[in-house]
Every structure is written in structure tokens, then in C-alpha cells.
C-alpha atoms as a PDB file:
ATOM      1  CA  MET A   1    -123.126 -19.889   7.482  1.00  0.00           C
ATOM      2  CA  LEU A   2    -126.308 -21.257   9.097  1.00  0.00           C
ATOM      3  CA  ILE A   3    -129.494 -19.178   8.663  1.00  0.00           C
ATOM      4  CA  SER A   4    -129.571 -18.884  12.546  1.00  0.00           C
ATOM      5  CA  SER A   5    -126.136 -17.543  12.515  1.00  0.00           C
ATOM      6  CA  ALA A   6    -126.928 -15.090   9.763  1.00  0.00           C
ATOM      7  CA  SER A   7    -129.998 -13.922  11.566  1.00  0.00           C
ATOM      8  CA  GLN A   8    -128.114 -13.409  14.713  1.00  0.00           C
ATOM      9  CA  HIS A   9    -125.365 -11.394  12.849  1.00  0.00           C
ATOM     10  CA  LEU A  10    -128.063  -9.161  11.124  1.00  0.00           C
ATOM     11  CA  THR A  11    -129.661  -8.569  14.498  1.00  0.00           C
ATOM     12  CA  VAL A  12    -126.442  -7.192  15.924  1.00  0.00           C
ATOM     13  CA  LEU A  13    -125.920  -5.042  12.967  1.00  0.00           C
ATOM     14  CA  ARG A  14    -129.430  -3.541  13.011  1.00  0.00           C
ATOM     15  CA  ARG A  15    -129.056  -2.800  16.808  1.00  0.00           C
ATOM     16  CA  ALA A  16    -125.886  -1.008  16.096  1.00  0.00           C
ATOM     17  CA  GLY A  17    -127.598   1.168  13.360  1.00  0.00           C
ATOM     18  CA  LEU A  18    -125.669  -0.340  10.580  1.00  0.00           C
ATOM     19  CA  MET A  19    -128.439  -2.182   8.748  1.00  0.00           C
ATOM     20  CA  VAL A  20    -132.164  -1.803   8.348  1.00  0.00           C
ATOM     21  CA  SER A  21    -134.638  -4.670   7.186  1.00  0.00           C
ATOM     22  CA  ARG A  22    -138.088  -4.757   5.845  1.00  0.00           C
ATOM     23  CA  ARG A  23    -140.343  -7.585   5.177  1.00  0.00           C
ATOM     24  CA  LYS A  24    -142.415  -7.845   1.914  1.00  0.00           C
ATOM     25  CA  ALA A  25    -144.433 -11.128   2.006  1.00  0.00           C
ATOM     26  CA  ASP A  26    -142.150 -13.840   2.317  1.00  0.00           C
ATOM     27  CA  VAL A  27    -139.025 -11.901   1.490  1.00  0.00           C
ATOM     28  CA  VAL A  28    -136.786  -9.887   3.795  1.00  0.00           C
ATOM     29  CA  PHE A  29    -134.884  -6.920   2.295  1.00  0.00           C
ATOM     30  CA  HIS A  30    -131.686  -5.687   4.073  1.00  0.00           C
ATOM     31  CA  ALA A  31    -129.952  -2.490   3.388  1.00  0.00           C
ATOM     32  CA  VAL A  32    -127.001  -0.664   4.858  1.00  0.00           C
ATOM     33  CA  THR A  33    -127.653   2.556   6.584  1.00  0.00           C
ATOM     34  CA  PRO A  34    -125.746   5.764   5.806  1.00  0.00           C
ATOM     35  CA  LEU A  35    -123.702   5.210   9.117  1.00  0.00           C
ATOM     36  CA  GLY A  36    -122.882   1.694   7.846  1.00  0.00           C
ATOM     37  CA  THR A  37    -121.832   3.050   4.503  1.00  0.00           C
ATOM     38  CA  ASP A  38    -119.490   5.537   5.968  1.00  0.00           C
ATOM     39  CA  LEU A  39    -117.858   3.023   8.230  1.00  0.00           C
ATOM     40  CA  LEU A  40    -117.344   0.658   5.252  1.00  0.00           C
ATOM     41  CA  ARG A  41    -115.755   3.410   3.184  1.00  0.00           C
ATOM     42  CA  GLY A  42    -113.531   4.432   6.007  1.00  0.00           C
ATOM     43  CA  ARG A  43    -115.198   7.777   6.495  1.00  0.00           C
ATOM     44  CA  GLN A  44    -115.690   9.520   9.898  1.00  0.00           C
ATOM     45  CA  PRO A  45    -119.511   9.441  10.582  1.00  0.00           C
ATOM     46  CA  SER A  46    -121.102  12.662  11.609  1.00  0.00           C
ATOM     47  CA  PRO A  47    -122.040  13.120  15.275  1.00  0.00           C
ATOM     48  CA  GLN A  48    -125.766  13.040  14.173  1.00  0.00           C
ATOM     49  CA  GLN A  49    -125.203   9.565  12.732  1.00  0.00           C
ATOM     50  CA  VAL A  50    -123.595   8.104  15.834  1.00  0.00           C
ATOM     51  CA  CYS A  51    -125.817   9.886  18.475  1.00  0.00           C
ATOM     52  CA  PRO A  52    -129.076  10.946  16.634  1.00  0.00           C
ATOM     53  CA  ASP A  53    -130.765  11.813  19.868  1.00  0.00           C
ATOM     54  CA  GLN A  54    -128.164  14.541  20.706  1.00  0.00           C
ATOM     55  CA  GLN A  55    -128.136  17.838  18.836  1.00  0.00           C
END
């Protein structure tokens, strides 16, 4: 996969709330969010994870 393609895929995942990224110097660390973990494990996410603005 090209770097530009990987970057585009990660952008989609971040916008969906499935991943977070942080930069430290020249390195970018990516991590799966709790919502992403639940979906990967086949669990039903909580309503707060899907719509955090609604209580």
C-alpha cells in the first residue's frame, strides 16, 4: 500500500472515531479507540460511544 493510500485510510478511520493519532517528533503513533475495539471484537458499542454528544 502506498503511503498516501494508508494516510487516506487512516483519515477515514479517525473521522469515524475508530482511531486516534498523535505525533512525537518525526513519528506518528496510531491507536484504536474503545469504539474501534468493540467493533473489531464484534461487540455492540454503547450509545455514548456512537453518539457522544447525546446523553
